[in-house]
Amino acid sequence: MMKKNQLFKITFAFIPLLLMVRETYGQKGFAYKASLGEVNQSGFYKVVLTPEVIAKCQPHIPDLRIMESNKQAPYIIKQDENQFAESSFFEFPIVSKRKEADKQTHITIENKTGKAVTDLLLVSTNMDAKRVVNISGSNDLKEWFIIKESVSLDNYFSQKAEEQVQTISLPLVNYKFFQVTIIGKDILPFNIKRAGIYTENYIQGKYTGVPVPAITQKDSSDKRSYVQVRFNEPYQIDKLVVEVEGPKFFKRYLSLYFGDFLSTKTPYSIFISSPSAELFPLGWASKAYLLVIDNEDNLPLKVKTIKAYQLNKYLLTYLEAGKNYELYFGDSLMQSPNYDLAFFKDSIGKNPPELAINAIESVKINQSITTNSKGNFGKIILWGIIVSIIILLLVFIYKMVNDINRRAANNEG
């Protein structure tokens, strides 16, 4: 009788495990949704993802779907960079183009930047000819000084463009005027239409503020300050601004960790020497972080505030006027979609209108949305777990029954 009771206890012990697996499978589907703003006219739109939406998605957000009447609206996902370079052509005016007494053509160009340059770009009409030039410089258009001589211009042309760009590398020089002299008496010049340089400007990415975290600080006897940072959700963090107060002059070593006092991973370290310090963890997602400041023999710094930011991430999608679209997300098993729209990025304008995401709602009933074949991979794994547990349970019960019967037969004998 004892063995039968043990059998029943073991059998029932497996039931919660089976129910847990069943519950895990039952949670497949979107947990959240949010309606999008009104689409007044058909065209491409930018849907800026809020920190609250991204925090409820898988890492790299493969589980986003834009739906209208149970049909998916394809999208392309984009994210601003922390810092990026933007190149632009800065034009130098052409002061004159004429043949001088030496019977050579001289083209005078003004450096409007007032700064030193290391190259000069000449934009000319298409040509299939060779020319050699000298480059000289002047600050008053009277005295000229050689910069580079016997420069061979590239002999190439295009069948698709009417213009070509010749780049002449220079030593670092800061003349107000440059002169391009085409070597050869009475030789026909090439037709320079524009001249200038490429300038490169570094532009900071655009950020969205994340809800302010809770902060607790402990100044320990090991000469370190431990600052626990806790958010209410695992927001994607791309920048942290830490404001501290302390002595007028300081330089401290600061490390940022995942987790809490018991679990720390992947440190990010910098020196701080001013009341405001910026950290760029670039995409970390966690509810808890730990800041550690090495004070050495100095008085501890006091962390006043911590502000968190997320680089703007958005969806580019084509939507039709008059239709109501909803954003679904929060499916832990869903794979990234494969849309044809990825091949038509060039068709999207530079500044499509933005479409707002309205309030987030919980989804009580799993949504049935068709995905690619990869989306069935999680289902296969879960069914494999269920079948394996059932087989193990049956084998164990079979052995227990045989053991009980064998012991009963021995007792009767």
Protein backbone atom coordinates (compact mmCIF):
# COMPACT_ATOMS: atom_id res chain seq x y z
CA MET A 1 0.00 0.00 0.00
CA MET A 2 2.93 2.31 0.78
CA LYS A 3 4.38 1.86 -2.70
CA LYS A 4 1.05 2.72 -4.31
CA ASN A 5 0.89 5.93 -2.27
CA GLN A 6 4.43 6.80 -3.39
CA LEU A 7 3.39 6.10 -6.99
CA PHE A 8 0.46 8.47 -6.73
CA LYS A 9 2.64 11.14 -5.08
CA ILE A 10 5.29 10.92 -7.83
CA THR A 11 2.65 10.92 -10.54
CA PHE A 12 1.01 14.04 -9.13
CA ALA A 13 4.45 15.65 -8.74
CA PHE A 14 4.78 15.62 -12.52
CA ILE A 15 1.41 17.30 -13.07
CA PRO A 16 2.57 20.85 -12.10
CA LEU A 17 5.49 20.46 -14.49
CA LEU A 18 3.15 19.50 -17.30
CA LEU A 19 0.84 22.36 -16.42
CA MET A 20 3.80 24.75 -16.40
CA VAL A 21 4.80 23.66 -19.91
CA ARG A 22 1.19 23.91 -21.00
CA GLU A 23 0.98 27.39 -19.50
CA THR A 24 4.18 28.40 -21.27
CA TYR A 25 2.71 27.26 -24.55
CA GLY A 26 -0.56 28.95 -23.71
CA GLN A 27 1.30 32.28 -23.31
CA LYS A 28 2.38 32.24 -26.93
CA GLY A 29 0.83 35.26 -28.55
CA PHE A 30 0.91 39.02 -28.14
CA ALA A 31 0.64 40.35 -24.61
CA TYR A 32 0.13 43.99 -25.59
CA LYS A 33 -1.33 46.20 -28.27
CA ALA A 34 -1.67 49.91 -28.99
CA SER A 35 -3.62 51.72 -31.67
CA LEU A 36 -1.81 54.06 -34.05
CA GLY A 37 -2.81 57.59 -34.90
CA GLU A 38 -5.20 58.46 -37.70
CA VAL A 39 -3.95 57.91 -41.26
CA ASN A 40 -5.25 60.90 -43.24
CA GLN A 41 -3.66 60.01 -46.57
CA SER A 42 -1.97 56.97 -48.04
CA GLY A 43 1.82 56.97 -47.94
CA PHE A 44 4.88 56.18 -45.87
CA TYR A 45 4.84 56.98 -42.16
CA LYS A 46 7.34 56.95 -39.32
CA VAL A 47 6.14 55.23 -36.13
CA VAL A 48 8.49 56.27 -33.30
CA LEU A 49 8.71 53.46 -30.73
CA THR A 50 8.39 54.65 -27.14
CA PRO A 51 10.61 53.26 -24.33
CA GLU A 52 7.53 51.59 -22.84
CA VAL A 53 6.88 49.63 -26.05
CA ILE A 54 10.48 48.50 -26.51
CA ALA A 55 10.74 47.43 -22.85
CA LYS A 56 7.88 44.97 -23.39
CA CYS A 57 9.46 43.37 -26.49
CA GLN A 58 12.15 40.78 -26.99
CA PRO A 59 15.72 42.02 -27.45
CA HIS A 60 16.13 43.46 -30.97
CA ILE A 61 12.29 43.63 -31.09
CA PRO A 62 11.41 40.80 -33.50
CA ASP A 63 7.89 40.57 -32.05
CA LEU A 64 6.37 43.76 -33.46
CA ARG A 65 3.52 43.62 -35.94
CA ILE A 66 1.40 46.38 -37.47
CA MET A 67 -2.09 44.96 -38.03
CA GLU A 68 -5.24 46.06 -39.83
CA SER A 69 -8.18 43.61 -40.03
CA ASN A 70 -5.84 40.73 -39.14
CA LYS A 71 -3.51 41.66 -42.02
CA GLN A 72 0.09 42.71 -41.51
CA ALA A 73 1.43 46.03 -42.76
CA PRO A 74 5.13 45.51 -43.67
CA TYR A 75 7.69 47.79 -42.04
CA ILE A 76 11.40 48.58 -41.92
CA ILE A 77 12.98 49.19 -38.53
CA LYS A 78 15.50 52.01 -38.07
CA GLN A 79 17.50 53.40 -35.17
CA ASP A 80 19.43 56.65 -34.83
CA GLU A 81 23.16 56.33 -34.27
CA ASN A 82 24.89 57.71 -31.21
CA GLN A 83 27.00 59.94 -33.43
CA PHE A 84 27.30 60.05 -37.19
CA ALA A 85 29.23 62.06 -39.77
CA GLU A 86 27.46 64.05 -42.45
CA SER A 87 29.50 65.08 -45.49
CA SER A 88 28.59 68.06 -47.65
CA PHE A 89 30.17 69.88 -50.58
CA PHE A 90 31.39 73.38 -49.69
CA GLU A 91 31.78 75.39 -52.88
CA PHE A 92 34.72 77.75 -53.54
CA PRO A 93 33.84 80.60 -55.94
CA ILE A 94 35.74 80.63 -59.25
CA VAL A 95 37.20 84.14 -59.42
CA SER A 96 38.53 83.95 -62.98
CA LYS A 97 39.33 81.62 -65.90
CA ARG A 98 41.65 83.11 -68.48
CA LYS A 99 44.73 82.57 -70.61
CA GLU A 100 47.71 84.54 -69.28
CA ALA A 101 50.85 85.89 -71.00
CA ASP A 102 52.45 82.45 -70.77
CA LYS A 103 49.65 81.22 -73.08
CA GLN A 104 48.48 78.77 -70.42
CA THR A 105 45.02 78.72 -68.85
CA HIS A 106 44.88 79.85 -65.20
CA ILE A 107 41.81 79.18 -63.05
CA THR A 108 41.66 81.19 -59.81
CA ILE A 109 39.57 79.86 -56.91
CA GLU A 110 38.78 81.58 -53.60
CA ASN A 111 38.99 79.70 -50.28
CA LYS A 112 35.91 81.01 -48.48
CA THR A 113 36.41 78.90 -45.36
CA GLY A 114 39.44 80.84 -44.11
CA LYS A 115 40.79 77.48 -42.90
CA ALA A 116 43.56 75.17 -43.99
CA VAL A 117 42.63 72.47 -46.49
CA THR A 118 44.16 69.17 -47.53
CA ASP A 119 42.39 68.59 -50.84
CA LEU A 120 40.67 70.42 -53.65
CA LEU A 121 37.72 69.12 -55.66
CA LEU A 122 37.23 70.18 -59.27
CA VAL A 123 33.84 69.46 -60.86
CA SER A 124 34.10 69.54 -64.65
CA THR A 125 32.01 68.54 -67.64
CA ASN A 126 32.50 65.00 -68.87
CA MET A 127 35.71 64.59 -70.92
CA ASP A 128 37.97 61.89 -72.32
CA ALA A 129 41.34 63.67 -72.35
CA LYS A 130 44.54 63.98 -70.30
CA ARG A 131 45.64 67.17 -68.61
CA VAL A 132 48.50 68.05 -66.24
CA VAL A 133 48.15 70.98 -63.81
CA ASN A 134 50.11 72.96 -61.24
CA ILE A 135 48.48 74.16 -58.03
CA SER A 136 49.66 77.41 -56.44
CA GLY A 137 48.44 79.61 -53.61
CA SER A 138 48.20 83.32 -52.77
CA ASN A 139 46.75 85.61 -50.14
CA ASP A 140 46.62 88.78 -52.24
CA LEU A 141 46.26 87.62 -55.88
CA LYS A 142 49.70 89.17 -56.58
CA GLU A 143 52.32 86.85 -55.16
CA TRP A 144 51.83 83.17 -55.99
CA PHE A 145 53.60 80.23 -54.35
CA ILE A 146 53.77 76.68 -55.66
CA ILE A 147 51.84 74.04 -53.68
CA LYS A 148 51.90 71.02 -55.98
CA GLU A 149 53.11 70.60 -59.53
CA SER A 150 52.71 68.19 -62.45
CA VAL A 151 49.44 66.76 -61.16
CA SER A 152 47.93 64.36 -63.70
CA LEU A 153 44.16 64.57 -63.79
CA ASP A 154 42.36 61.25 -64.13
CA ASN A 155 41.43 60.27 -67.67
CA TYR A 156 38.00 58.79 -67.17
CA PHE A 157 34.49 59.61 -68.17
CA SER A 158 30.98 58.41 -67.46
CA GLN A 159 28.23 57.34 -69.84
CA LYS A 160 25.59 58.10 -67.20
CA ALA A 161 26.61 61.47 -65.74
CA GLU A 162 27.36 64.79 -67.42
CA GLU A 163 29.88 65.79 -64.75
CA GLN A 164 32.93 64.22 -63.16
CA VAL A 165 34.82 65.07 -59.98
CA GLN A 166 38.61 65.29 -59.85
CA THR A 167 40.15 65.21 -56.35
CA ILE A 168 43.59 66.79 -55.90
CA SER A 169 45.34 65.95 -52.63
CA LEU A 170 47.32 68.83 -51.11
CA PRO A 171 49.69 69.34 -48.20
CA LEU A 172 48.00 71.22 -45.35
CA VAL A 173 47.85 74.83 -46.62
CA ASN A 174 45.90 77.93 -45.64
CA TYR A 175 45.91 80.25 -48.64
CA LYS A 176 43.02 82.59 -49.40
CA PHE A 177 43.26 81.84 -53.13
CA PHE A 178 44.26 78.79 -55.18
CA GLN A 179 45.25 78.77 -58.83
CA VAL A 180 44.99 75.78 -61.16
CA THR A 181 47.38 76.20 -64.12
CA ILE A 182 46.85 73.86 -67.07
CA ILE A 183 50.33 73.01 -68.34
CA GLY A 184 50.87 73.50 -72.08
CA LYS A 185 50.86 76.55 -74.36
CA ASP A 186 47.62 77.14 -76.22
CA ILE A 187 46.26 73.81 -75.03
CA LEU A 188 42.47 73.66 -74.66
CA PRO A 189 41.44 73.72 -70.99
CA PHE A 190 38.92 71.39 -69.42
CA ASN A 191 35.64 73.01 -68.40
CA ILE A 192 35.67 73.49 -64.62
CA LYS A 193 32.11 74.28 -63.50
CA ARG A 194 32.61 74.23 -59.75
CA ALA A 195 35.36 73.86 -57.18
CA GLY A 196 35.41 73.26 -53.44
CA ILE A 197 35.99 70.78 -50.63
CA TYR A 198 34.03 68.17 -48.72
CA THR A 199 33.27 69.13 -45.15
CA GLU A 200 32.37 66.58 -42.48
CA ASN A 201 30.17 67.46 -39.53
CA TYR A 202 29.58 65.15 -36.60
CA ILE A 203 25.96 65.09 -35.51
CA GLN A 204 24.65 63.67 -32.25
CA GLY A 205 21.84 61.14 -32.49
CA LYS A 206 18.38 61.97 -31.20
CA TYR A 207 17.33 60.53 -27.85
CA THR A 208 14.08 59.97 -25.99
CA GLY A 209 14.01 60.23 -22.22
CA VAL A 210 13.32 57.09 -20.16
CA PRO A 211 11.32 57.27 -16.90
CA VAL A 212 13.55 58.31 -13.99
CA PRO A 213 14.92 55.37 -11.95
CA ALA A 214 15.01 54.93 -8.18
CA ILE A 215 18.48 55.46 -6.65
CA THR A 216 19.99 54.17 -3.40
CA GLN A 217 23.62 54.87 -2.42
CA LYS A 218 25.84 53.13 0.10
CA ASP A 219 29.29 54.49 0.96
CA SER A 220 31.28 51.45 2.05
CA SER A 221 34.35 51.07 4.25
CA ASP A 222 36.21 49.62 1.23
CA LYS A 223 36.53 53.22 -0.06
CA ARG A 224 33.84 52.73 -2.68
CA SER A 225 30.36 54.12 -3.20
CA TYR A 226 27.76 51.62 -4.42
CA VAL A 227 24.78 53.19 -6.19
CA GLN A 228 21.86 50.91 -7.00
CA VAL A 229 19.77 52.05 -9.97
CA ARG A 230 16.33 50.48 -10.49
CA PHE A 231 13.82 51.04 -13.28
CA ASN A 232 10.22 49.82 -13.24
CA GLU A 233 10.78 48.04 -16.60
CA PRO A 234 13.83 46.74 -18.54
CA TYR A 235 14.17 49.83 -20.72
CA GLN A 236 16.73 49.96 -23.52
CA ILE A 237 19.42 52.34 -22.26
CA ASP A 238 21.74 54.07 -24.72
CA LYS A 239 22.88 56.98 -22.55
CA LEU A 240 23.04 57.70 -18.82
CA VAL A 241 23.68 61.17 -17.43
CA VAL A 242 24.98 60.97 -13.86
CA GLU A 243 24.98 64.16 -11.80
CA VAL A 244 27.15 64.19 -8.68
CA GLU A 245 28.18 66.68 -6.01
CA GLY A 246 31.39 66.74 -4.01
CA PRO A 247 34.62 68.70 -3.73
CA LYS A 248 35.49 71.36 -6.31
CA PHE A 249 38.25 69.24 -7.85
CA PHE A 250 37.91 65.49 -8.25
CA LYS A 251 38.69 62.67 -10.66
CA ARG A 252 37.16 59.32 -9.82
CA TYR A 253 36.94 55.93 -11.53
CA LEU A 254 33.31 54.91 -12.14
CA SER A 255 32.07 51.49 -13.31
CA LEU A 256 28.59 50.53 -14.48
CA TYR A 257 27.36 46.93 -14.05
CA PHE A 258 24.27 44.92 -14.91
CA GLY A 259 22.20 43.67 -12.01
CA ASP A 260 22.49 44.37 -8.30
CA PHE A 261 24.87 43.84 -5.39
CA LEU A 262 24.81 40.06 -5.76
CA SER A 263 25.05 39.77 -9.53
CA THR A 264 27.22 42.01 -11.70
CA LYS A 265 28.08 41.58 -15.36
CA THR A 266 29.72 43.48 -18.21
CA PRO A 267 31.33 46.55 -16.61
CA TYR A 268 31.42 49.90 -18.42
CA SER A 269 34.08 52.19 -16.93
CA ILE A 270 35.07 55.85 -17.26
CA PHE A 271 36.78 58.59 -15.23
CA ILE A 272 34.50 61.37 -14.00
CA SER A 273 35.88 64.80 -13.19
CA SER A 274 32.87 67.11 -13.48
CA PRO A 275 29.44 67.36 -11.83
CA SER A 276 27.79 65.79 -14.90
CA ALA A 277 29.10 62.62 -16.58
CA GLU A 278 27.72 60.82 -19.63
CA LEU A 279 27.87 57.04 -20.07
CA PHE A 280 26.96 55.25 -23.29
CA PRO A 281 26.07 51.59 -22.61
CA LEU A 282 24.40 51.48 -26.08
CA GLY A 283 21.46 49.17 -25.93
CA TRP A 284 21.67 47.56 -22.50
CA ALA A 285 18.28 46.43 -21.22
CA SER A 286 17.78 45.65 -17.54
CA LYS A 287 15.66 46.77 -14.62
CA ALA A 288 18.68 47.04 -12.33
CA TYR A 289 22.16 48.54 -12.67
CA LEU A 290 24.98 49.09 -10.24
CA LEU A 291 27.30 52.11 -10.25
CA VAL A 292 30.57 51.76 -8.35
CA ILE A 293 32.70 54.85 -7.64
CA ASP A 294 36.28 54.43 -6.39
CA ASN A 295 36.80 57.19 -3.82
CA GLU A 296 40.23 55.99 -2.61
CA ASP A 297 41.16 58.28 0.33
CA ASN A 298 38.75 61.06 -0.63
CA LEU A 299 35.34 61.93 0.73
CA PRO A 300 32.59 60.07 -1.19
CA LEU A 301 30.82 61.75 -4.07
CA LYS A 302 27.06 62.08 -3.72
CA VAL A 303 25.00 60.97 -6.73
CA LYS A 304 22.17 63.50 -7.02
CA THR A 305 20.27 62.32 -10.09
CA ILE A 306 20.53 59.82 -12.91
CA LYS A 307 18.75 60.45 -16.21
CA ALA A 308 18.43 57.71 -18.82
CA TYR A 309 17.89 58.04 -22.56
CA GLN A 310 17.13 55.78 -25.48
CA LEU A 311 18.23 56.41 -29.07
CA ASN A 312 15.21 57.01 -31.25
CA LYS A 313 14.01 53.78 -32.83
CA TYR A 314 11.17 53.78 -35.31
CA LEU A 315 9.27 51.84 -37.94
CA LEU A 316 8.92 52.99 -41.55
CA THR A 317 5.73 51.63 -43.07
CA TYR A 318 3.28 52.28 -45.91
CA LEU A 319 -0.27 52.82 -44.61
CA GLU A 320 -3.54 53.42 -46.44
CA ALA A 321 -5.84 56.32 -45.69
CA GLY A 322 -8.99 55.67 -43.68
CA LYS A 323 -7.83 52.38 -42.19
CA ASN A 324 -7.32 51.72 -38.48
CA TYR A 325 -3.94 50.22 -37.62
CA GLU A 326 -2.80 48.64 -34.38
CA LEU A 327 0.65 47.72 -33.10
CA TYR A 328 0.95 44.28 -31.47
CA PHE A 329 3.96 43.23 -29.41
CA GLY A 330 5.19 41.24 -26.40
CA ASP A 331 5.36 37.68 -27.85
CA SER A 332 8.34 35.85 -26.34
CA LEU A 333 8.38 33.19 -29.11
CA MET A 334 7.86 35.22 -32.27
CA GLN A 335 10.57 35.48 -34.92
CA SER A 336 11.46 38.56 -36.98
CA PRO A 337 9.28 39.05 -40.09
CA ASN A 338 10.64 38.95 -43.63
CA TYR A 339 9.03 41.67 -45.72
CA ASP A 340 9.61 42.63 -49.36
CA LEU A 341 9.67 46.27 -48.24
CA ALA A 342 13.32 45.83 -47.22
CA PHE A 343 14.23 45.85 -50.93
CA PHE A 344 12.54 49.20 -51.53
CA LYS A 345 14.23 51.46 -48.97
CA ASP A 346 15.01 54.03 -51.65
CA SER A 347 11.30 54.54 -52.29
CA ILE A 348 10.81 56.04 -48.83
CA GLY A 349 11.17 59.81 -48.60
CA LYS A 350 13.64 61.47 -46.24
CA ASN A 351 11.04 62.94 -43.88
CA PRO A 352 7.84 60.89 -43.75
CA PRO A 353 5.19 62.17 -41.32
CA GLU A 354 5.22 60.72 -37.82
CA LEU A 355 2.37 58.61 -36.49
CA ALA A 356 1.78 58.47 -32.75
CA ILE A 357 1.39 55.32 -30.65
CA ASN A 358 -1.61 55.57 -28.35
CA ALA A 359 -2.02 54.04 -24.89
CA ILE A 360 -0.77 50.48 -24.39
CA GLU A 361 -3.40 47.82 -23.59
CA SER A 362 -3.04 44.25 -22.36
CA VAL A 363 -4.23 41.51 -24.71
CA LYS A 364 -6.24 38.86 -22.87
CA ILE A 365 -6.86 36.53 -25.80
CA ASN A 366 -3.93 35.32 -27.89
CA GLN A 367 -4.01 36.84 -31.34
CA SER A 368 -3.82 34.51 -34.33
CA ILE A 369 -1.41 36.15 -36.77
CA THR A 370 0.24 34.39 -39.67
CA THR A 371 4.05 34.45 -39.54
CA ASN A 372 6.82 32.86 -41.56
CA SER A 373 7.75 29.20 -41.11
CA LYS A 374 10.42 30.09 -38.56
CA GLY A 375 7.67 31.10 -36.18
CA ASN A 376 6.71 27.43 -35.73
CA PHE A 377 10.15 26.59 -34.35
CA GLY A 378 9.21 27.50 -30.77
CA LYS A 379 6.03 25.44 -31.03
CA ILE A 380 8.04 22.39 -32.12
CA ILE A 381 10.40 22.79 -29.16
CA LEU A 382 7.53 23.07 -26.67
CA TRP A 383 5.76 20.02 -28.06
CA GLY A 384 9.05 18.14 -27.88
CA ILE A 385 9.34 19.03 -24.18
CA ILE A 386 5.76 17.90 -23.52
CA VAL A 387 6.22 14.58 -25.33
CA SER A 388 9.55 13.92 -23.57
CA ILE A 389 8.02 14.52 -20.14
CA ILE A 390 5.08 12.24 -20.92
CA ILE A 391 7.44 9.46 -22.08
CA LEU A 392 9.61 9.81 -18.96
CA LEU A 393 6.53 9.74 -16.78
CA LEU A 394 5.19 6.58 -18.44
CA VAL A 395 8.56 4.82 -18.18
CA PHE A 396 8.84 5.74 -14.52
CA ILE A 397 5.29 4.54 -13.78
CA TYR A 398 5.95 1.29 -15.66
CA LYS A 399 9.06 0.60 -13.58
CA MET A 400 7.28 1.46 -10.35
CA VAL A 401 4.36 -0.84 -11.17
CA ASN A 402 6.72 -3.73 -11.97
CA ASP A 403 8.65 -3.09 -8.78
CA ILE A 404 5.42 -3.09 -6.73
CA ASN A 405 4.21 -6.30 -8.35
CA ARG A 406 7.57 -8.03 -7.84
CA ARG A 407 7.67 -7.11 -4.16
CA ALA A 408 4.04 -8.23 -3.71
CA ALA A 409 4.85 -11.63 -5.31
CA ASN A 410 7.86 -12.08 -3.02
CA ASN A 411 5.79 -11.28 0.05
CA GLU A 412 3.16 -13.85 -0.93
CA GLY A 413 5.86 -16.48 -1.50
